[in-house]
Amino acid sequence: SGEKIRRGTVASGDTFIADTELKKFLNSHFGAVCGEMEGAAI
């Protein structure tokens, strides 16, 4: 469909992520490339 995709770890938590330090932590600690609030619970 012409989209640029990324495969990897999606990290879920009950927080709307809007913090550079949290973003860096989730990437370095879990190798996460995307954050949201439901996927891992599902």
PDB file of all heavy atoms in Angstrom:
ATOM      1  N   SER A   1       0.824  -1.214   0.000  1.00  0.00           N
ATOM      2  CA  SER A   1       0.000   0.000   0.000  1.00  0.00           C
ATOM      3  C   SER A   1       0.857   1.263   0.000  1.00  0.00           C
ATOM      4  O   SER A   1       0.319   2.375   0.049  1.00  0.00           O
ATOM      5  CB  SER A   1      -0.921   0.006   1.226  1.00  0.00           C
ATOM      6  OG  SER A   1      -1.775  -1.118   1.227  1.00  0.00           O
ATOM      7  N   GLY A   2       2.178   1.078  -0.035  1.00  0.00           N
ATOM      8  CA  GLY A   2       3.087   2.220  -0.079  1.00  0.00           C
ATOM      9  C   GLY A   2       3.454   2.792   1.270  1.00  0.00           C
ATOM     10  O   GLY A   2       4.036   3.895   1.337  1.00  0.00           O
ATOM     11  N   GLU A   3       3.157   2.062   2.340  1.00  0.00           N
ATOM     12  CA  GLU A   3       3.462   2.561   3.677  1.00  0.00           C
ATOM     13  C   GLU A   3       4.878   2.179   4.100  1.00  0.00           C
ATOM     14  O   GLU A   3       5.400   1.130   3.718  1.00  0.00           O
ATOM     15  CB  GLU A   3       2.473   1.996   4.703  1.00  0.00           C
ATOM     16  CG  GLU A   3       1.011   2.287   4.415  1.00  0.00           C
ATOM     17  CD  GLU A   3       0.655   3.751   4.547  1.00  0.00           C
ATOM     18  OE1 GLU A   3       1.499   4.546   5.023  1.00  0.00           O
ATOM     19  OE2 GLU A   3      -0.466   4.108   4.154  1.00  0.00           O
ATOM     20  N   LYS A   4       5.493   3.042   4.899  1.00  0.00           N
ATOM     21  CA  LYS A   4       6.760   2.704   5.529  1.00  0.00           C
ATOM     22  C   LYS A   4       6.444   1.980   6.834  1.00  0.00           C
ATOM     23  O   LYS A   4       5.728   2.523   7.682  1.00  0.00           O
ATOM     24  CB  LYS A   4       7.605   3.937   5.816  1.00  0.00           C
ATOM     25  CG  LYS A   4       8.947   3.600   6.457  1.00  0.00           C
ATOM     26  CD  LYS A   4       9.770   4.826   6.766  1.00  0.00           C
ATOM     27  CE  LYS A   4      11.069   4.423   7.468  1.00  0.00           C
ATOM     28  NZ  LYS A   4      11.886   5.609   7.847  1.00  0.00           N
ATOM     29  N   ILE A   5       6.950   0.771   6.991  1.00  0.00           N
ATOM     30  CA  ILE A   5       6.606  -0.012   8.174  1.00  0.00           C
ATOM     31  C   ILE A   5       7.825  -0.268   9.039  1.00  0.00           C
ATOM     32  O   ILE A   5       8.972  -0.163   8.593  1.00  0.00           O
ATOM     33  CB  ILE A   5       5.936  -1.354   7.810  1.00  0.00           C
ATOM     34  CG1 ILE A   5       6.979  -2.384   7.330  1.00  0.00           C
ATOM     35  CG2 ILE A   5       4.842  -1.174   6.791  1.00  0.00           C
ATOM     36  CD1 ILE A   5       6.499  -3.802   7.439  1.00  0.00           C
ATOM     37  N   ARG A   6       7.541  -0.599  10.285  1.00  0.00           N
ATOM     38  CA  ARG A   6       8.569  -1.020  11.241  1.00  0.00           C
ATOM     39  C   ARG A   6       8.021  -2.200  12.010  1.00  0.00           C
ATOM     40  O   ARG A   6       6.880  -2.171  12.477  1.00  0.00           O
ATOM     41  CB  ARG A   6       8.903   0.132  12.181  1.00  0.00           C
ATOM     42  CG  ARG A   6       9.998  -0.159  13.190  1.00  0.00           C
ATOM     43  CD  ARG A   6      11.362  -0.273  12.539  1.00  0.00           C
ATOM     44  NE  ARG A   6      12.424   0.147  13.429  1.00  0.00           N
ATOM     45  CZ  ARG A   6      12.973  -0.632  14.379  1.00  0.00           C
ATOM     46  NH1 ARG A   6      12.531  -1.864  14.540  1.00  0.00           N
ATOM     47  NH2 ARG A   6      13.927  -0.164  15.146  1.00  0.00           N
ATOM     48  N   ARG A   7       8.797  -3.262  12.119  1.00  0.00           N
ATOM     49  CA  ARG A   7       8.445  -4.397  12.977  1.00  0.00           C
ATOM     50  C   ARG A   7       9.206  -4.244  14.288  1.00  0.00           C
ATOM     51  O   ARG A   7      10.306  -3.692  14.323  1.00  0.00           O
ATOM     52  CB  ARG A   7       8.829  -5.713  12.300  1.00  0.00           C
ATOM     53  CG  ARG A   7       8.251  -5.947  10.920  1.00  0.00           C
ATOM     54  CD  ARG A   7       6.807  -6.321  10.930  1.00  0.00           C
ATOM     55  NE  ARG A   7       6.537  -7.613  11.507  1.00  0.00           N
ATOM     56  CZ  ARG A   7       6.429  -8.741  10.799  1.00  0.00           C
ATOM     57  NH1 ARG A   7       6.589  -8.726   9.489  1.00  0.00           N
ATOM     58  NH2 ARG A   7       6.144  -9.881  11.399  1.00  0.00           N
ATOM     59  N   GLY A   8       8.653  -4.772  15.383  1.00  0.00           N
ATOM     60  CA  GLY A   8       9.371  -4.706  16.647  1.00  0.00           C
ATOM     61  C   GLY A   8       8.436  -4.819  17.831  1.00  0.00           C
ATOM     62  O   GLY A   8       7.288  -5.255  17.712  1.00  0.00           O
ATOM     63  N   THR A   9       8.930  -4.412  18.984  1.00  0.00           N
ATOM     64  CA  THR A   9       8.179  -4.492  20.234  1.00  0.00           C
ATOM     65  C   THR A   9       7.267  -3.284  20.400  1.00  0.00           C
ATOM     66  O   THR A   9       7.702  -2.138  20.245  1.00  0.00           O
ATOM     67  CB  THR A   9       9.134  -4.571  21.441  1.00  0.00           C
ATOM     68  OG1 THR A   9       9.926  -5.758  21.338  1.00  0.00           O
ATOM     69  CG2 THR A   9       8.360  -4.592  22.755  1.00  0.00           C
ATOM     70  N   VAL A  10       6.004  -3.540  20.717  1.00  0.00           N
ATOM     71  CA  VAL A  10       5.055  -2.491  21.075  1.00  0.00           C
ATOM     72  C   VAL A  10       4.843  -2.557  22.587  1.00  0.00           C
ATOM     73  O   VAL A  10       4.523  -3.619  23.128  1.00  0.00           O
ATOM     74  CB  VAL A  10       3.725  -2.656  20.322  1.00  0.00           C
ATOM     75  CG1 VAL A  10       2.667  -1.690  20.869  1.00  0.00           C
ATOM     76  CG2 VAL A  10       3.929  -2.433  18.823  1.00  0.00           C
ATOM     77  N   ALA A  11       5.045  -1.426  23.250  1.00  0.00           N
ATOM     78  CA  ALA A  11       4.952  -1.363  24.712  1.00  0.00           C
ATOM     79  C   ALA A  11       3.644  -0.710  25.133  1.00  0.00           C
ATOM     80  O   ALA A  11       3.288   0.366  24.639  1.00  0.00           O
ATOM     81  CB  ALA A  11       6.130  -0.577  25.277  1.00  0.00           C
ATOM     82  N   SER A  12       2.924  -1.364  26.055  1.00  0.00           N
ATOM     83  CA  SER A  12       1.630  -0.864  26.518  1.00  0.00           C
ATOM     84  C   SER A  12       1.695  -0.501  27.999  1.00  0.00           C
ATOM     85  O   SER A  12       2.339  -1.182  28.795  1.00  0.00           O
ATOM     86  CB  SER A  12       0.542  -1.932  26.329  1.00  0.00           C
ATOM     87  OG  SER A  12       0.462  -2.352  24.990  1.00  0.00           O
ATOM     88  N   GLY A  13       0.984   0.568  28.346  1.00  0.00           N
ATOM     89  CA  GLY A  13       0.865   0.968  29.740  1.00  0.00           C
ATOM     90  C   GLY A  13      -0.253   1.974  29.890  1.00  0.00           C
ATOM     91  O   GLY A  13      -0.709   2.563  28.899  1.00  0.00           O
ATOM     92  N   ASP A  14      -0.695   2.190  31.105  1.00  0.00           N
ATOM     93  CA  ASP A  14      -1.820   3.103  31.341  1.00  0.00           C
ATOM     94  C   ASP A  14      -1.341   4.546  31.476  1.00  0.00           C
ATOM     95  O   ASP A  14      -1.677   5.251  32.431  1.00  0.00           O
ATOM     96  CB  ASP A  14      -2.595   2.663  32.587  1.00  0.00           C
ATOM     97  CG  ASP A  14      -3.477   1.457  32.309  1.00  0.00           C
ATOM     98  OD1 ASP A  14      -4.050   1.392  31.205  1.00  0.00           O
ATOM     99  OD2 ASP A  14      -3.572   0.568  33.172  1.00  0.00           O
ATOM    100  N   THR A  15      -0.565   4.983  30.497  1.00  0.00           N
ATOM    101  CA  THR A  15      -0.047   6.346  30.452  1.00  0.00           C
ATOM    102  C   THR A  15      -0.025   6.820  29.009  1.00  0.00           C
ATOM    103  O   THR A  15       0.422   6.080  28.125  1.00  0.00           O
ATOM    104  CB  THR A  15       1.392   6.410  31.007  1.00  0.00           C
ATOM    105  OG1 THR A  15       1.405   5.977  32.375  1.00  0.00           O
ATOM    106  CG2 THR A  15       1.956   7.825  30.931  1.00  0.00           C
ATOM    107  N   PHE A  16      -0.504   8.023  28.762  1.00  0.00           N
ATOM    108  CA  PHE A  16      -0.292   8.655  27.465  1.00  0.00           C
ATOM    109  C   PHE A  16       1.137   9.168  27.462  1.00  0.00           C
ATOM    110  O   PHE A  16       1.487  10.076  28.217  1.00  0.00           O
ATOM    111  CB  PHE A  16      -1.281   9.796  27.236  1.00  0.00           C
ATOM    112  CG  PHE A  16      -1.101  10.501  25.908  1.00  0.00           C
ATOM    113  CD1 PHE A  16      -1.699   9.995  24.764  1.00  0.00           C
ATOM    114  CD2 PHE A  16      -0.316  11.640  25.810  1.00  0.00           C
ATOM    115  CE1 PHE A  16      -1.526  10.629  23.539  1.00  0.00           C
ATOM    116  CE2 PHE A  16      -0.134  12.274  24.595  1.00  0.00           C
ATOM    117  CZ  PHE A  16      -0.744  11.770  23.450  1.00  0.00           C
ATOM    118  N   ILE A  17       1.969   8.581  26.636  1.00  0.00           N
ATOM    119  CA  ILE A  17       3.402   8.881  26.672  1.00  0.00           C
ATOM    120  C   ILE A  17       3.665  10.223  26.005  1.00  0.00           C
ATOM    121  O   ILE A  17       3.420  10.404  24.816  1.00  0.00           O
ATOM    122  CB  ILE A  17       4.211   7.769  25.981  1.00  0.00           C
ATOM    123  CG1 ILE A  17       3.954   6.426  26.676  1.00  0.00           C
ATOM    124  CG2 ILE A  17       5.700   8.101  25.986  1.00  0.00           C
ATOM    125  CD1 ILE A  17       4.512   5.231  25.922  1.00  0.00           C
ATOM    126  N   ALA A  18       4.160  11.170  26.791  1.00  0.00           N
ATOM    127  CA  ALA A  18       4.493  12.502  26.293  1.00  0.00           C
ATOM    128  C   ALA A  18       5.707  13.009  27.059  1.00  0.00           C
ATOM    129  O   ALA A  18       5.727  14.128  27.579  1.00  0.00           O
ATOM    130  CB  ALA A  18       3.310  13.452  26.446  1.00  0.00           C
ATOM    131  N   ASP A  19       6.729  12.162  27.141  1.00  0.00           N
ATOM    132  CA  ASP A  19       7.894  12.425  27.975  1.00  0.00           C
ATOM    133  C   ASP A  19       9.122  11.810  27.316  1.00  0.00           C
ATOM    134  O   ASP A  19       9.189  10.595  27.157  1.00  0.00           O
ATOM    135  CB  ASP A  19       7.653  11.818  29.356  1.00  0.00           C
ATOM    136  CG  ASP A  19       8.779  12.098  30.341  1.00  0.00           C
ATOM    137  OD1 ASP A  19       9.942  11.825  30.015  1.00  0.00           O
ATOM    138  OD2 ASP A  19       8.485  12.563  31.452  1.00  0.00           O
ATOM    139  N   THR A  20      10.072  12.636  26.939  1.00  0.00           N
ATOM    140  CA  THR A  20      11.256  12.147  26.233  1.00  0.00           C
ATOM    141  C   THR A  20      12.039  11.134  27.054  1.00  0.00           C
ATOM    142  O   THR A  20      12.541  10.137  26.511  1.00  0.00           O
ATOM    143  CB  THR A  20      12.167  13.326  25.848  1.00  0.00           C
ATOM    144  OG1 THR A  20      11.449  14.199  24.974  1.00  0.00           O
ATOM    145  CG2 THR A  20      13.428  12.846  25.126  1.00  0.00           C
ATOM    146  N   GLU A  21      12.137  11.354  28.360  1.00  0.00           N
ATOM    147  CA  GLU A  21      12.901  10.427  29.204  1.00  0.00           C
ATOM    148  C   GLU A  21      12.219   9.061  29.280  1.00  0.00           C
ATOM    149  O   GLU A  21      12.883   8.021  29.224  1.00  0.00           O
ATOM    150  CB  GLU A  21      13.097  11.012  30.610  1.00  0.00           C
ATOM    151  CG  GLU A  21      14.023  12.212  30.647  1.00  0.00           C
ATOM    152  CD  GLU A  21      15.375  11.914  30.003  1.00  0.00           C
ATOM    153  OE1 GLU A  21      15.987  10.874  30.347  1.00  0.00           O
ATOM    154  OE2 GLU A  21      15.803  12.702  29.140  1.00  0.00           O
ATOM    155  N   LEU A  22      10.893   9.055  29.403  1.00  0.00           N
ATOM    156  CA  LEU A  22      10.161   7.779  29.407  1.00  0.00           C
ATOM    157  C   LEU A  22      10.307   7.095  28.052  1.00  0.00           C
ATOM    158  O   LEU A  22      10.520   5.878  27.985  1.00  0.00           O
ATOM    159  CB  LEU A  22       8.686   8.014  29.724  1.00  0.00           C
ATOM    160  CG  LEU A  22       7.773   6.783  29.682  1.00  0.00           C
ATOM    161  CD1 LEU A  22       8.260   5.700  30.634  1.00  0.00           C
ATOM    162  CD2 LEU A  22       6.326   7.169  29.980  1.00  0.00           C
ATOM    163  N   LYS A  23      10.211   7.861  26.989  1.00  0.00           N
ATOM    164  CA  LYS A  23      10.382   7.318  25.642  1.00  0.00           C
ATOM    165  C   LYS A  23      11.746   6.643  25.504  1.00  0.00           C
ATOM    166  O   LYS A  23      11.844   5.510  25.016  1.00  0.00           O
ATOM    167  CB  LYS A  23      10.236   8.445  24.620  1.00  0.00           C
ATOM    168  CG  LYS A  23      10.551   8.057  23.189  1.00  0.00           C
ATOM    169  CD  LYS A  23      10.334   9.236  22.239  1.00  0.00           C
ATOM    170  CE  LYS A  23      10.732   8.877  20.810  1.00  0.00           C
ATOM    171  NZ  LYS A  23      10.370   9.951  19.858  1.00  0.00           N
ATOM    172  N   LYS A  24      12.803   7.311  25.947  1.00  0.00           N
ATOM    173  CA  LYS A  24      14.149   6.744  25.858  1.00  0.00           C
ATOM    174  C   LYS A  24      14.269   5.480  26.707  1.00  0.00           C
ATOM    175  O   LYS A  24      14.900   4.502  26.298  1.00  0.00           O
ATOM    176  CB  LYS A  24      15.183   7.775  26.314  1.00  0.00           C
ATOM    177  CG  LYS A  24      15.374   8.930  25.354  1.00  0.00           C
ATOM    178  CD  LYS A  24      16.407   9.913  25.889  1.00  0.00           C
ATOM    179  CE  LYS A  24      16.638  11.066  24.920  1.00  0.00           C
ATOM    180  NZ  LYS A  24      17.603  12.054  25.473  1.00  0.00           N
ATOM    181  N   PHE A  25      13.662   5.493  27.895  1.00  0.00           N
ATOM    182  CA  PHE A  25      13.717   4.325  28.774  1.00  0.00           C
ATOM    183  C   PHE A  25      13.035   3.117  28.132  1.00  0.00           C
ATOM    184  O   PHE A  25      13.573   2.003  28.144  1.00  0.00           O
ATOM    185  CB  PHE A  25      13.053   4.636  30.111  1.00  0.00           C
ATOM    186  CG  PHE A  25      12.857   3.418  30.986  1.00  0.00           C
ATOM    187  CD1 PHE A  25      13.922   2.850  31.656  1.00  0.00           C
ATOM    188  CD2 PHE A  25      11.601   2.823  31.101  1.00  0.00           C
ATOM    189  CE1 PHE A  25      13.750   1.709  32.438  1.00  0.00           C
ATOM    190  CE2 PHE A  25      11.416   1.695  31.879  1.00  0.00           C
ATOM    191  CZ  PHE A  25      12.504   1.136  32.548  1.00  0.00           C
ATOM    192  N   LEU A  26      11.867   3.321  27.567  1.00  0.00           N
ATOM    193  CA  LEU A  26      11.130   2.204  26.970  1.00  0.00           C
ATOM    194  C   LEU A  26      11.872   1.630  25.769  1.00  0.00           C
ATOM    195  O   LEU A  26      11.849   0.422  25.540  1.00  0.00           O
ATOM    196  CB  LEU A  26       9.723   2.655  26.569  1.00  0.00           C
ATOM    197  CG  LEU A  26       8.821   3.095  27.727  1.00  0.00           C
ATOM    198  CD1 LEU A  26       7.473   3.564  27.199  1.00  0.00           C
ATOM    199  CD2 LEU A  26       8.640   1.986  28.738  1.00  0.00           C
ATOM    200  N   ASN A  27      12.540   2.491  25.030  1.00  0.00           N
ATOM    201  CA  ASN A  27      13.318   2.017  23.890  1.00  0.00           C
ATOM    202  C   ASN A  27      14.564   1.267  24.334  1.00  0.00           C
ATOM    203  O   ASN A  27      14.882   0.189  23.819  1.00  0.00           O
ATOM    204  CB  ASN A  27      13.706   3.187  22.985  1.00  0.00           C
ATOM    205  CG  ASN A  27      14.524   2.742  21.789  1.00  0.00           C
ATOM    206  OD1 ASN A  27      15.741   2.902  21.773  1.00  0.00           O
ATOM    207  ND2 ASN A  27      13.866   2.175  20.787  1.00  0.00           N
ATOM    208  N   SER A  28      15.260   1.799  25.330  1.00  0.00           N
ATOM    209  CA  SER A  28      16.518   1.167  25.758  1.00  0.00           C
ATOM    210  C   SER A  28      16.275  -0.082  26.597  1.00  0.00           C
ATOM    211  O   SER A  28      16.970  -1.090  26.446  1.00  0.00           O
ATOM    212  CB  SER A  28      17.371   2.165  26.549  1.00  0.00           C
ATOM    213  OG  SER A  28      16.696   2.584  27.729  1.00  0.00           O
ATOM    214  N   HIS A  29      15.255  -0.067  27.460  1.00  0.00           N
ATOM    215  CA  HIS A  29      15.031  -1.184  28.381  1.00  0.00           C
ATOM    216  C   HIS A  29      14.288  -2.341  27.710  1.00  0.00           C
ATOM    217  O   HIS A  29      14.636  -3.508  27.914  1.00  0.00           O
ATOM    218  CB  HIS A  29      14.241  -0.713  29.598  1.00  0.00           C
ATOM    219  CG  HIS A  29      14.148  -1.741  30.685  1.00  0.00           C
ATOM    220  ND1 HIS A  29      15.156  -1.949  31.605  1.00  0.00           N
ATOM    221  CD2 HIS A  29      13.180  -2.642  30.985  1.00  0.00           C
ATOM    222  CE1 HIS A  29      14.805  -2.932  32.423  1.00  0.00           C
ATOM    223  NE2 HIS A  29      13.608  -3.365  32.073  1.00  0.00           N
ATOM    224  N   PHE A  30      13.266  -2.026  26.924  1.00  0.00           N
ATOM    225  CA  PHE A  30      12.441  -3.069  26.301  1.00  0.00           C
ATOM    226  C   PHE A  30      12.714  -3.224  24.803  1.00  0.00           C
ATOM    227  O   PHE A  30      12.180  -4.141  24.176  1.00  0.00           O
ATOM    228  CB  PHE A  30      10.958  -2.773  26.501  1.00  0.00           C
ATOM    229  CG  PHE A  30      10.502  -2.820  27.937  1.00  0.00           C
ATOM    230  CD1 PHE A  30      10.306  -1.646  28.652  1.00  0.00           C
ATOM    231  CD2 PHE A  30      10.271  -4.029  28.570  1.00  0.00           C
ATOM    232  CE1 PHE A  30       9.882  -1.681  29.978  1.00  0.00           C
ATOM    233  CE2 PHE A  30       9.837  -4.076  29.896  1.00  0.00           C
ATOM    234  CZ  PHE A  30       9.653  -2.898  30.601  1.00  0.00           C
ATOM    235  N   GLY A  31      13.486  -2.321  24.231  1.00  0.00           N
ATOM    236  CA  GLY A  31      13.672  -2.339  22.782  1.00  0.00           C
ATOM    237  C   GLY A  31      12.403  -1.962  22.044  1.00  0.00           C
ATOM    238  O   GLY A  31      12.224  -2.319  20.877  1.00  0.00           O
ATOM    239  N   ALA A  32      11.513  -1.225  22.701  1.00  0.00           N
ATOM    240  CA  ALA A  32      10.218  -0.894  22.121  1.00  0.00           C
ATOM    241  C   ALA A  32      10.356   0.187  21.059  1.00  0.00           C
ATOM    242  O   ALA A  32      11.119   1.144  21.220  1.00  0.00           O
ATOM    243  CB  ALA A  32       9.242  -0.444  23.205  1.00  0.00           C
ATOM    244  N   VAL A  33       9.587   0.046  19.981  1.00  0.00           N
ATOM    245  CA  VAL A  33       9.601   1.030  18.893  1.00  0.00           C
ATOM    246  C   VAL A  33       8.306   1.832  18.836  1.00  0.00           C
ATOM    247  O   VAL A  33       8.219   2.829  18.127  1.00  0.00           O
ATOM    248  CB  VAL A  33       9.865   0.352  17.536  1.00  0.00           C
ATOM    249  CG1 VAL A  33      11.215  -0.346  17.546  1.00  0.00           C
ATOM    250  CG2 VAL A  33       8.754  -0.633  17.158  1.00  0.00           C
ATOM    251  N   CYS A  34       7.295   1.403  19.580  1.00  0.00           N
ATOM    252  CA  CYS A  34       5.992   2.068  19.571  1.00  0.00           C
ATOM    253  C   CYS A  34       5.334   1.892  20.933  1.00  0.00           C
ATOM    254  O   CYS A  34       5.484   0.841  21.571  1.00  0.00           O
ATOM    255  CB  CYS A  34       5.108   1.473  18.473  1.00  0.00           C
ATOM    256  SG  CYS A  34       3.447   2.184  18.348  1.00  0.00           S
ATOM    257  N   GLY A  35       4.633   2.929  21.369  1.00  0.00           N
ATOM    258  CA  GLY A  35       3.940   2.865  22.651  1.00  0.00           C
ATOM    259  C   GLY A  35       2.462   3.154  22.500  1.00  0.00           C
ATOM    260  O   GLY A  35       2.048   3.947  21.641  1.00  0.00           O
ATOM    261  N   GLU A  36       1.653   2.516  23.346  1.00  0.00           N
ATOM    262  CA  GLU A  36       0.205   2.722  23.358  1.00  0.00           C
ATOM    263  C   GLU A  36      -0.354   2.183  24.660  1.00  0.00           C
ATOM    264  O   GLU A  36       0.407   1.965  25.607  1.00  0.00           O
ATOM    265  CB  GLU A  36      -0.454   2.109  22.113  1.00  0.00           C
ATOM    266  CG  GLU A  36       0.157   0.804  21.623  1.00  0.00           C
ATOM    267  CD  GLU A  36      -0.415  -0.407  22.317  1.00  0.00           C
ATOM    268  OE1 GLU A  36      -0.352  -0.488  23.553  1.00  0.00           O
ATOM    269  OE2 GLU A  36      -0.923  -1.285  21.613  1.00  0.00           O
ATOM    270  N   MET A  37      -1.677   1.945  24.726  1.00  0.00           N
ATOM    271  CA  MET A  37      -2.312   1.646  26.011  1.00  0.00           C
ATOM    272  C   MET A  37      -3.143   0.367  26.035  1.00  0.00           C
ATOM    273  O   MET A  37      -3.789   0.094  27.044  1.00  0.00           O
ATOM    274  CB  MET A  37      -3.197   2.833  26.427  1.00  0.00           C
ATOM    275  CG  MET A  37      -2.450   4.144  26.583  1.00  0.00           C
ATOM    276  SD  MET A  37      -3.506   5.562  26.988  1.00  0.00           S
ATOM    277  CE  MET A  37      -4.049   5.135  28.640  1.00  0.00           C
ATOM    278  N   GLU A  38      -3.120  -0.442  24.961  1.00  0.00           N
ATOM    279  CA  GLU A  38      -4.006  -1.607  24.925  1.00  0.00           C
ATOM    280  C   GLU A  38      -3.379  -2.900  24.412  1.00  0.00           C
ATOM    281  O   GLU A  38      -3.772  -3.992  24.855  1.00  0.00           O
ATOM    282  CB  GLU A  38      -5.235  -1.305  24.035  1.00  0.00           C
ATOM    283  CG  GLU A  38      -6.118  -0.181  24.497  1.00  0.00           C
ATOM    284  CD  GLU A  38      -5.632   1.187  24.054  1.00  0.00           C
ATOM    285  OE1 GLU A  38      -4.957   1.262  22.996  1.00  0.00           O
ATOM    286  OE2 GLU A  38      -5.908   2.174  24.754  1.00  0.00           O
ATOM    287  N   GLY A  39      -2.486  -2.834  23.461  1.00  0.00           N
ATOM    288  CA  GLY A  39      -2.054  -4.013  22.715  1.00  0.00           C
ATOM    289  C   GLY A  39      -1.568  -5.175  23.561  1.00  0.00           C
ATOM    290  O   GLY A  39      -1.925  -6.336  23.317  1.00  0.00           O
ATOM    291  N   ALA A  40      -0.733  -4.890  24.561  1.00  0.00           N
ATOM    292  CA  ALA A  40      -0.186  -5.977  25.374  1.00  0.00           C
ATOM    293  C   ALA A  40      -1.236  -6.594  26.285  1.00  0.00           C
ATOM    294  O   ALA A  40      -1.163  -7.782  26.613  1.00  0.00           O
ATOM    295  CB  ALA A  40       1.001  -5.485  26.192  1.00  0.00           C
ATOM    296  N   ALA A  41      -2.222  -5.802  26.711  1.00  0.00           N
ATOM    297  CA  ALA A  41      -3.318  -6.364  27.511  1.00  0.00           C
ATOM    298  C   ALA A  41      -4.162  -7.300  26.659  1.00  0.00           C
ATOM    299  O   ALA A  41      -4.574  -8.382  27.106  1.00  0.00           O
ATOM    300  CB  ALA A  41      -4.176  -5.246  28.086  1.00  0.00           C
ATOM    301  N   ILE A  42      -4.423  -6.900  25.414  1.00  0.00           N
ATOM    302  CA  ILE A  42      -5.150  -7.769  24.485  1.00  0.00           C
ATOM    303  C   ILE A  42      -4.339  -9.029  24.212  1.00  0.00           C
ATOM    304  O   ILE A  42      -4.866 -10.149  24.216  1.00  0.00           O
ATOM    305  CB  ILE A  42      -5.459  -7.000  23.186  1.00  0.00           C
ATOM    306  CG1 ILE A  42      -6.509  -5.918  23.474  1.00  0.00           C
ATOM    307  CG2 ILE A  42      -5.940  -7.947  22.071  1.00  0.00           C
ATOM    308  CD1 ILE A  42      -6.709  -4.920  22.361  1.00  0.00           C
TER     309      ILE A  42
END
